Amino acid sequence: MQPRPPYRLLATSGEFCIGAQHDANDCESVQFVSGIAPSWAPAPQASTELLLSYGINDCEAKVARIPIAQVWGMLRPLDGEVGVCE
């Protein structure tokens, strides 16, 4: 997203697969990420992970860590956009 209004999307990724408890390669049929935040890192270090809060099958709530580098690697620029931030 752009860092300032109108907050246009600059890039997108494919779908996340939140794996089932019995098989990590089996994507749950109902899944959604409800929150995202940098994980805590002691100053002056920058966080290298994101915390994702998500729901599974409208029954469970969970939190997971994902490396920021992995997220950047998943992003693909949208047509007409060239930089990560303007």
PDB file of N, CA and C in Angstrom:
ATOM      1  N   MET A   1       0.831  -1.169   0.000  1.00  0.00           N
ATOM      2  CA  MET A   1       0.000   0.000   0.000  1.00  0.00           C
ATOM      3  C   MET A   1       0.881   1.239   0.000  1.00  0.00           C
ATOM      4  N   GLN A   2       0.366   2.277  -0.609  1.00  0.00           N
ATOM      5  CA  GLN A   2       1.075   3.541  -0.520  1.00  0.00           C
ATOM      6  C   GLN A   2       1.117   3.991   0.938  1.00  0.00           C
ATOM      7  N   PRO A   3       2.202   4.673   1.337  1.00  0.00           N
ATOM      8  CA  PRO A   3       2.304   5.111   2.727  1.00  0.00           C
ATOM      9  C   PRO A   3       1.437   6.322   3.066  1.00  0.00           C
ATOM     10  N   ARG A   4       0.843   6.957   2.048  1.00  0.00           N
ATOM     11  CA  ARG A   4       0.002   8.141   2.268  1.00  0.00           C
ATOM     12  C   ARG A   4      -1.296   7.998   1.487  1.00  0.00           C
ATOM     13  N   PRO A   5      -2.324   8.759   1.872  1.00  0.00           N
ATOM     14  CA  PRO A   5      -3.590   8.720   1.125  1.00  0.00           C
ATOM     15  C   PRO A   5      -3.337   8.989  -0.349  1.00  0.00           C
ATOM     16  N   PRO A   6      -4.013   8.301  -1.249  1.00  0.00           N
ATOM     17  CA  PRO A   6      -5.233   7.513  -1.064  1.00  0.00           C
ATOM     18  C   PRO A   6      -4.978   6.038  -0.765  1.00  0.00           C
ATOM     19  N   TYR A   7      -3.747   5.655  -0.365  1.00  0.00           N
ATOM     20  CA  TYR A   7      -3.416   4.287   0.048  1.00  0.00           C
ATOM     21  C   TYR A   7      -3.734   3.244  -1.029  1.00  0.00           C
ATOM     22  N   ARG A   8      -3.317   3.533  -2.248  1.00  0.00           N
ATOM     23  CA  ARG A   8      -3.508   2.562  -3.338  1.00  0.00           C
ATOM     24  C   ARG A   8      -2.661   1.318  -3.089  1.00  0.00           C
ATOM     25  N   LEU A   9      -3.170   0.184  -3.527  1.00  0.00           N
ATOM     26  CA  LEU A   9      -2.392  -1.052  -3.453  1.00  0.00           C
ATOM     27  C   LEU A   9      -1.285  -0.997  -4.488  1.00  0.00           C
ATOM     28  N   LEU A  10      -0.087  -1.375  -4.101  1.00  0.00           N
ATOM     29  CA  LEU A  10       1.056  -1.386  -4.999  1.00  0.00           C
ATOM     30  C   LEU A  10       1.417  -2.797  -5.436  1.00  0.00           C
ATOM     31  N   ALA A  11       1.079  -3.780  -4.609  1.00  0.00           N
ATOM     32  CA  ALA A  11       1.438  -5.165  -4.910  1.00  0.00           C
ATOM     33  C   ALA A  11       0.432  -6.088  -4.243  1.00  0.00           C
ATOM     34  N   THR A  12       0.417  -7.320  -4.715  1.00  0.00           N
ATOM     35  CA  THR A  12      -0.469  -8.334  -4.151  1.00  0.00           C
ATOM     36  C   THR A  12       0.260  -9.674  -4.180  1.00  0.00           C
ATOM     37  N   SER A  13      -0.286 -10.651  -3.512  1.00  0.00           N
ATOM     38  CA  SER A  13       0.287 -11.999  -3.520  1.00  0.00           C
ATOM     39  C   SER A  13      -0.807 -12.978  -3.900  1.00  0.00           C
ATOM     40  N   GLY A  14      -0.411 -14.205  -4.096  1.00  0.00           N
ATOM     41  CA  GLY A  14      -1.391 -15.264  -4.278  1.00  0.00           C
ATOM     42  C   GLY A  14      -2.043 -15.560  -2.932  1.00  0.00           C
ATOM     43  N   GLU A  15      -2.904 -16.534  -2.905  1.00  0.00           N
ATOM     44  CA  GLU A  15      -3.582 -16.900  -1.664  1.00  0.00           C
ATOM     45  C   GLU A  15      -2.610 -17.512  -0.668  1.00  0.00           C
ATOM     46  N   PHE A  16      -2.834 -17.230   0.606  1.00  0.00           N
ATOM     47  CA  PHE A  16      -2.115 -17.914   1.666  1.00  0.00           C
ATOM     48  C   PHE A  16      -2.769 -19.276   1.852  1.00  0.00           C
ATOM     49  N   CYS A  17      -1.982 -20.251   2.228  1.00  0.00           N
ATOM     50  CA  CYS A  17      -2.541 -21.550   2.593  1.00  0.00           C
ATOM     51  C   CYS A  17      -2.304 -21.734   4.081  1.00  0.00           C
ATOM     52  N   ILE A  18      -3.362 -21.647   4.837  1.00  0.00           N
ATOM     53  CA  ILE A  18      -3.267 -21.943   6.261  1.00  0.00           C
ATOM     54  C   ILE A  18      -3.560 -23.427   6.399  1.00  0.00           C
ATOM     55  N   GLY A  19      -2.513 -24.192   6.675  1.00  0.00           N
ATOM     56  CA  GLY A  19      -2.615 -25.641   6.675  1.00  0.00           C
ATOM     57  C   GLY A  19      -3.474 -26.191   7.794  1.00  0.00           C
ATOM     58  N   ALA A  20      -4.126 -27.294   7.500  1.00  0.00           N
ATOM     59  CA  ALA A  20      -4.948 -27.981   8.493  1.00  0.00           C
ATOM     60  C   ALA A  20      -4.051 -28.571   9.576  1.00  0.00           C
ATOM     61  N   GLN A  21      -4.605 -28.761  10.752  1.00  0.00           N
ATOM     62  CA  GLN A  21      -3.832 -29.294  11.871  1.00  0.00           C
ATOM     63  C   GLN A  21      -3.276 -30.682  11.552  1.00  0.00           C
ATOM     64  N   HIS A  22      -4.043 -31.513  10.850  1.00  0.00           N
ATOM     65  CA  HIS A  22      -3.608 -32.876  10.551  1.00  0.00           C
ATOM     66  C   HIS A  22      -2.691 -32.957   9.339  1.00  0.00           C
ATOM     67  N   ASP A  23      -2.666 -31.913   8.471  1.00  0.00           N
ATOM     68  CA  ASP A  23      -1.837 -31.929   7.265  1.00  0.00           C
ATOM     69  C   ASP A  23      -1.555 -30.489   6.839  1.00  0.00           C
ATOM     70  N   ALA A  24      -0.314 -30.046   7.013  1.00  0.00           N
ATOM     71  CA  ALA A  24       0.060 -28.659   6.703  1.00  0.00           C
ATOM     72  C   ALA A  24      -0.115 -28.313   5.226  1.00  0.00           C
ATOM     73  N   ASN A  25      -0.159 -29.315   4.339  1.00  0.00           N
ATOM     74  CA  ASN A  25      -0.339 -29.060   2.906  1.00  0.00           C
ATOM     75  C   ASN A  25      -1.807 -28.997   2.497  1.00  0.00           C
ATOM     76  N   ASP A  26      -2.707 -29.272   3.418  1.00  0.00           N
ATOM     77  CA  ASP A  26      -4.147 -29.236   3.156  1.00  0.00           C
ATOM     78  C   ASP A  26      -4.687 -27.894   3.641  1.00  0.00           C
ATOM     79  N   CYS A  27      -5.002 -26.997   2.699  1.00  0.00           N
ATOM     80  CA  CYS A  27      -5.499 -25.668   3.070  1.00  0.00           C
ATOM     81  C   CYS A  27      -6.908 -25.775   3.635  1.00  0.00           C
ATOM     82  N   GLU A  28      -7.125 -25.109   4.756  1.00  0.00           N
ATOM     83  CA  GLU A  28      -8.459 -25.089   5.353  1.00  0.00           C
ATOM     84  C   GLU A  28      -9.438 -24.423   4.393  1.00  0.00           C
ATOM     85  N   SER A  29     -10.688 -24.859   4.392  1.00  0.00           N
ATOM     86  CA  SER A  29     -11.678 -24.327   3.448  1.00  0.00           C
ATOM     87  C   SER A  29     -12.133 -22.924   3.817  1.00  0.00           C
ATOM     88  N   VAL A  30     -12.185 -22.591   5.092  1.00  0.00           N
ATOM     89  CA  VAL A  30     -12.538 -21.241   5.536  1.00  0.00           C
ATOM     90  C   VAL A  30     -11.350 -20.726   6.339  1.00  0.00           C
ATOM     91  N   GLN A  31     -10.689 -19.693   5.810  1.00  0.00           N
ATOM     92  CA  GLN A  31      -9.529 -19.134   6.491  1.00  0.00           C
ATOM     93  C   GLN A  31      -9.463 -17.642   6.205  1.00  0.00           C
ATOM     94  N   PHE A  32      -9.026 -16.881   7.191  1.00  0.00           N
ATOM     95  CA  PHE A  32      -8.878 -15.445   6.982  1.00  0.00           C
ATOM     96  C   PHE A  32      -7.847 -14.888   7.951  1.00  0.00           C
ATOM     97  N   VAL A  33      -7.048 -13.956   7.451  1.00  0.00           N
ATOM     98  CA  VAL A  33      -6.105 -13.234   8.295  1.00  0.00           C
ATOM     99  C   VAL A  33      -6.831 -12.000   8.799  1.00  0.00           C
ATOM    100  N   SER A  34      -6.900 -11.849  10.110  1.00  0.00           N
ATOM    101  CA  SER A  34      -7.647 -10.728  10.684  1.00  0.00           C
ATOM    102  C   SER A  34      -6.753  -9.625  11.220  1.00  0.00           C
ATOM    103  N   GLY A  35      -5.474  -9.896  11.379  1.00  0.00           N
ATOM    104  CA  GLY A  35      -4.568  -8.873  11.885  1.00  0.00           C
ATOM    105  C   GLY A  35      -3.139  -9.164  11.488  1.00  0.00           C
ATOM    106  N   ILE A  36      -2.337  -8.101  11.395  1.00  0.00           N
ATOM    107  CA  ILE A  36      -0.926  -8.242  11.057  1.00  0.00           C
ATOM    108  C   ILE A  36      -0.159  -7.144  11.781  1.00  0.00           C
ATOM    109  N   ALA A  37       0.982  -7.516  12.373  1.00  0.00           N
ATOM    110  CA  ALA A  37       1.798  -6.544  13.102  1.00  0.00           C
ATOM    111  C   ALA A  37       3.237  -7.048  13.133  1.00  0.00           C
ATOM    112  N   PRO A  38       4.202  -6.132  13.203  1.00  0.00           N
ATOM    113  CA  PRO A  38       5.588  -6.584  13.351  1.00  0.00           C
ATOM    114  C   PRO A  38       5.766  -7.237  14.717  1.00  0.00           C
ATOM    115  N   SER A  39       6.549  -8.306  14.760  1.00  0.00           N
ATOM    116  CA  SER A  39       6.831  -8.921  16.055  1.00  0.00           C
ATOM    117  C   SER A  39       7.803  -8.022  16.812  1.00  0.00           C
ATOM    118  N   TRP A  40       7.857  -8.202  18.105  1.00  0.00           N
ATOM    119  CA  TRP A  40       8.699  -7.353  18.936  1.00  0.00           C
ATOM    120  C   TRP A  40      10.162  -7.665  18.688  1.00  0.00           C
ATOM    121  N   ALA A  41      10.993  -6.619  18.635  1.00  0.00           N
ATOM    122  CA  ALA A  41      12.442  -6.769  18.551  1.00  0.00           C
ATOM    123  C   ALA A  41      13.061  -5.714  19.457  1.00  0.00           C
ATOM    124  N   PRO A  42      14.128  -6.061  20.188  1.00  0.00           N
ATOM    125  CA  PRO A  42      14.743  -5.067  21.071  1.00  0.00           C
ATOM    126  C   PRO A  42      15.365  -3.932  20.262  1.00  0.00           C
ATOM    127  N   ALA A  43      15.200  -2.697  20.740  1.00  0.00           N
ATOM    128  CA  ALA A  43      15.780  -1.541  20.055  1.00  0.00           C
ATOM    129  C   ALA A  43      17.293  -1.691  20.060  1.00  0.00           C
ATOM    130  N   PRO A  44      18.027  -1.284  19.050  1.00  0.00           N
ATOM    131  CA  PRO A  44      17.564  -0.604  17.841  1.00  0.00           C
ATOM    132  C   PRO A  44      17.309  -1.563  16.678  1.00  0.00           C
ATOM    133  N   GLN A  45      17.185  -2.847  16.945  1.00  0.00           N
ATOM    134  CA  GLN A  45      16.968  -3.817  15.869  1.00  0.00           C
ATOM    135  C   GLN A  45      15.577  -3.661  15.270  1.00  0.00           C
ATOM    136  N   ALA A  46      15.504  -3.920  13.978  1.00  0.00           N
ATOM    137  CA  ALA A  46      14.197  -3.944  13.316  1.00  0.00           C
ATOM    138  C   ALA A  46      13.657  -5.371  13.380  1.00  0.00           C
ATOM    139  N   SER A  47      12.363  -5.494  13.473  1.00  0.00           N
ATOM    140  CA  SER A  47      11.739  -6.810  13.488  1.00  0.00           C
ATOM    141  C   SER A  47      11.962  -7.502  12.151  1.00  0.00           C
ATOM    142  N   THR A  48      12.196  -8.795  12.188  1.00  0.00           N
ATOM    143  CA  THR A  48      12.358  -9.568  10.956  1.00  0.00           C
ATOM    144  C   THR A  48      11.172 -10.491  10.719  1.00  0.00           C
ATOM    145  N   GLU A  49      10.173 -10.418  11.594  1.00  0.00           N
ATOM    146  CA  GLU A  49       8.995 -11.277  11.470  1.00  0.00           C
ATOM    147  C   GLU A  49       7.717 -10.462  11.636  1.00  0.00           C
ATOM    148  N   LEU A  50       6.653 -10.998  11.068  1.00  0.00           N
ATOM    149  CA  LEU A  50       5.323 -10.437  11.271  1.00  0.00           C
ATOM    150  C   LEU A  50       4.506 -11.430  12.082  1.00  0.00           C
ATOM    151  N   LEU A  51       3.628 -10.913  12.912  1.00  0.00           N
ATOM    152  CA  LEU A  51       2.663 -11.749  13.619  1.00  0.00           C
ATOM    153  C   LEU A  51       1.344 -11.656  12.867  1.00  0.00           C
ATOM    154  N   LEU A  52       0.781 -12.797  12.516  1.00  0.00           N
ATOM    155  CA  LEU A  52      -0.513 -12.854  11.840  1.00  0.00           C
ATOM    156  C   LEU A  52      -1.522 -13.472  12.791  1.00  0.00           C
ATOM    157  N   SER A  53      -2.636 -12.796  12.984  1.00  0.00           N
ATOM    158  CA  SER A  53      -3.746 -13.432  13.696  1.00  0.00           C
ATOM    159  C   SER A  53      -4.726 -13.882  12.624  1.00  0.00           C
ATOM    160  N   TYR A  54      -5.236 -15.086  12.780  1.00  0.00           N
ATOM    161  CA  TYR A  54      -6.089 -15.632  11.727  1.00  0.00           C
ATOM    162  C   TYR A  54      -7.135 -16.567  12.306  1.00  0.00           C
ATOM    163  N   GLY A  55      -8.151 -16.791  11.505  1.00  0.00           N
ATOM    164  CA  GLY A  55      -9.223 -17.692  11.885  1.00  0.00           C
ATOM    165  C   GLY A  55      -9.257 -18.897  10.970  1.00  0.00           C
ATOM    166  N   ILE A  56      -9.689 -20.018  11.519  1.00  0.00           N
ATOM    167  CA  ILE A  56      -9.791 -21.266  10.761  1.00  0.00           C
ATOM    168  C   ILE A  56     -11.206 -21.805  10.901  1.00  0.00           C
ATOM    169  N   ASN A  57     -11.853 -22.027   9.768  1.00  0.00           N
ATOM    170  CA  ASN A  57     -13.191 -22.632   9.717  1.00  0.00           C
ATOM    171  C   ASN A  57     -14.208 -21.940  10.626  1.00  0.00           C
ATOM    172  N   ASP A  58     -14.040 -20.655  10.844  1.00  0.00           N
ATOM    173  CA  ASP A  58     -14.944 -19.896  11.715  1.00  0.00           C
ATOM    174  C   ASP A  58     -15.083 -20.533  13.096  1.00  0.00           C
ATOM    175  N   CYS A  59     -14.083 -21.309  13.515  1.00  0.00           N
ATOM    176  CA  CYS A  59     -14.148 -22.011  14.803  1.00  0.00           C
ATOM    177  C   CYS A  59     -12.957 -21.715  15.707  1.00  0.00           C
ATOM    178  N   GLU A  60     -11.795 -21.454  15.130  1.00  0.00           N
ATOM    179  CA  GLU A  60     -10.576 -21.301  15.910  1.00  0.00           C
ATOM    180  C   GLU A  60      -9.899 -19.980  15.580  1.00  0.00           C
ATOM    181  N   ALA A  61      -9.202 -19.427  16.552  1.00  0.00           N
ATOM    182  CA  ALA A  61      -8.362 -18.246  16.347  1.00  0.00           C
ATOM    183  C   ALA A  61      -6.929 -18.632  16.687  1.00  0.00           C
ATOM    184  N   LYS A  62      -5.995 -18.215  15.855  1.00  0.00           N
ATOM    185  CA  LYS A  62      -4.591 -18.562  16.074  1.00  0.00           C
ATOM    186  C   LYS A  62      -3.720 -17.364  15.738  1.00  0.00           C
ATOM    187  N   VAL A  63      -2.454 -17.447  16.155  1.00  0.00           N
ATOM    188  CA  VAL A  63      -1.443 -16.449  15.829  1.00  0.00           C
ATOM    189  C   VAL A  63      -0.229 -17.201  15.304  1.00  0.00           C
ATOM    190  N   ALA A  64       0.392 -16.675  14.255  1.00  0.00           N
ATOM    191  CA  ALA A  64       1.578 -17.300  13.675  1.00  0.00           C
ATOM    192  C   ALA A  64       2.616 -16.231  13.365  1.00  0.00           C
ATOM    193  N   ARG A  65       3.864 -16.646  13.294  1.00  0.00           N
ATOM    194  CA  ARG A  65       4.956 -15.765  12.871  1.00  0.00           C
ATOM    195  C   ARG A  65       5.335 -16.133  11.443  1.00  0.00           C
ATOM    196  N   ILE A  66       5.639 -15.107  10.646  1.00  0.00           N
ATOM    197  CA  ILE A  66       6.094 -15.336   9.282  1.00  0.00           C
ATOM    198  C   ILE A  66       7.233 -14.355   9.012  1.00  0.00           C
ATOM    199  N   PRO A  67       8.347 -14.821   8.428  1.00  0.00           N
ATOM    200  CA  PRO A  67       9.454 -13.916   8.135  1.00  0.00           C
ATOM    201  C   PRO A  67       9.026 -12.827   7.141  1.00  0.00           C
ATOM    202  N   ILE A  68       9.411 -11.583   7.433  1.00  0.00           N
ATOM    203  CA  ILE A  68       9.078 -10.479   6.535  1.00  0.00           C
ATOM    204  C   ILE A  68       9.661 -10.732   5.150  1.00  0.00           C
ATOM    205  N   ALA A  69      10.865 -11.306   5.072  1.00  0.00           N
ATOM    206  CA  ALA A  69      11.482 -11.588   3.773  1.00  0.00           C
ATOM    207  C   ALA A  69      10.613 -12.539   2.948  1.00  0.00           C
ATOM    208  N   GLN A  70       9.953 -13.488   3.596  1.00  0.00           N
ATOM    209  CA  GLN A  70       9.065 -14.412   2.881  1.00  0.00           C
ATOM    210  C   GLN A  70       7.870 -13.658   2.304  1.00  0.00           C
ATOM    211  N   VAL A  71       7.329 -12.712   3.073  1.00  0.00           N
ATOM    212  CA  VAL A  71       6.197 -11.912   2.586  1.00  0.00           C
ATOM    213  C   VAL A  71       6.626 -11.073   1.387  1.00  0.00           C
ATOM    214  N   TRP A  72       7.769 -10.384   1.499  1.00  0.00           N
ATOM    215  CA  TRP A  72       8.255  -9.582   0.360  1.00  0.00           C
ATOM    216  C   TRP A  72       8.428 -10.461  -0.880  1.00  0.00           C
ATOM    217  N   GLY A  73       8.919 -11.679  -0.705  1.00  0.00           N
ATOM    218  CA  GLY A  73       9.126 -12.583  -1.833  1.00  0.00           C
ATOM    219  C   GLY A  73       7.837 -13.036  -2.494  1.00  0.00           C
ATOM    220  N   MET A  74       6.733 -12.978  -1.771  1.00  0.00           N
ATOM    221  CA  MET A  74       5.437 -13.392  -2.319  1.00  0.00           C
ATOM    222  C   MET A  74       4.750 -12.285  -3.110  1.00  0.00           C
ATOM    223  N   LEU A  75       5.151 -11.032  -2.875  1.00  0.00           N
ATOM    224  CA  LEU A  75       4.458  -9.896  -3.488  1.00  0.00           C
ATOM    225  C   LEU A  75       4.814  -9.727  -4.957  1.00  0.00           C
ATOM    226  N   ARG A  76       3.821  -9.384  -5.744  1.00  0.00           N
ATOM    227  CA  ARG A  76       3.985  -9.090  -7.171  1.00  0.00           C
ATOM    228  C   ARG A  76       3.384  -7.717  -7.438  1.00  0.00           C
ATOM    229  N   PRO A  77       4.153  -6.817  -8.114  1.00  0.00           N
ATOM    230  CA  PRO A  77       3.622  -5.474  -8.388  1.00  0.00           C
ATOM    231  C   PRO A  77       2.350  -5.542  -9.219  1.00  0.00           C
ATOM    232  N   LEU A  78       1.436  -4.644  -8.926  1.00  0.00           N
ATOM    233  CA  LEU A  78       0.226  -4.516  -9.731  1.00  0.00           C
ATOM    234  C   LEU A  78       0.564  -3.749 -10.998  1.00  0.00           C
ATOM    235  N   ASP A  79      -0.192  -3.947 -12.065  1.00  0.00           N
ATOM    236  CA  ASP A  79       0.056  -3.272 -13.336  1.00  0.00           C
ATOM    237  C   ASP A  79       0.191  -1.778 -13.132  1.00  0.00           C
ATOM    238  N   GLY A  80       1.231  -1.210 -13.744  1.00  0.00           N
ATOM    239  CA  GLY A  80       1.425   0.228 -13.685  1.00  0.00           C
ATOM    240  C   GLY A  80       2.199   0.697 -12.475  1.00  0.00           C
ATOM    241  N   GLU A  81       2.511  -0.170 -11.551  1.00  0.00           N
ATOM    242  CA  GLU A  81       3.256   0.223 -10.350  1.00  0.00           C
ATOM    243  C   GLU A  81       4.681  -0.299 -10.477  1.00  0.00           C
ATOM    244  N   VAL A  82       5.648   0.539 -10.102  1.00  0.00           N
ATOM    245  CA  VAL A  82       7.035   0.123 -10.241  1.00  0.00           C
ATOM    246  C   VAL A  82       7.785   0.015  -8.927  1.00  0.00           C
ATOM    247  N   GLY A  83       7.550   0.907  -7.988  1.00  0.00           N
ATOM    248  CA  GLY A  83       8.297   0.882  -6.740  1.00  0.00           C
ATOM    249  C   GLY A  83       7.483   0.320  -5.601  1.00  0.00           C
ATOM    250  N   VAL A  84       8.177  -0.049  -4.535  1.00  0.00           N
ATOM    251  CA  VAL A  84       7.470  -0.517  -3.353  1.00  0.00           C
ATOM    252  C   VAL A  84       6.778   0.657  -2.679  1.00  0.00           C
ATOM    253  N   CYS A  85       7.482   1.763  -2.552  1.00  0.00           N
ATOM    254  CA  CYS A  85       6.899   2.977  -1.964  1.00  0.00           C
ATOM    255  C   CYS A  85       7.245   4.167  -2.850  1.00  0.00           C
ATOM    256  N   GLU A  86       6.336   5.089  -2.911  1.00  0.00           N
ATOM    257  CA  GLU A  86       6.592   6.296  -3.698  1.00  0.00           C
ATOM    258  C   GLU A  86       7.241   7.344  -2.841  1.00  0.00           C
TER     259      GLU A  86
END
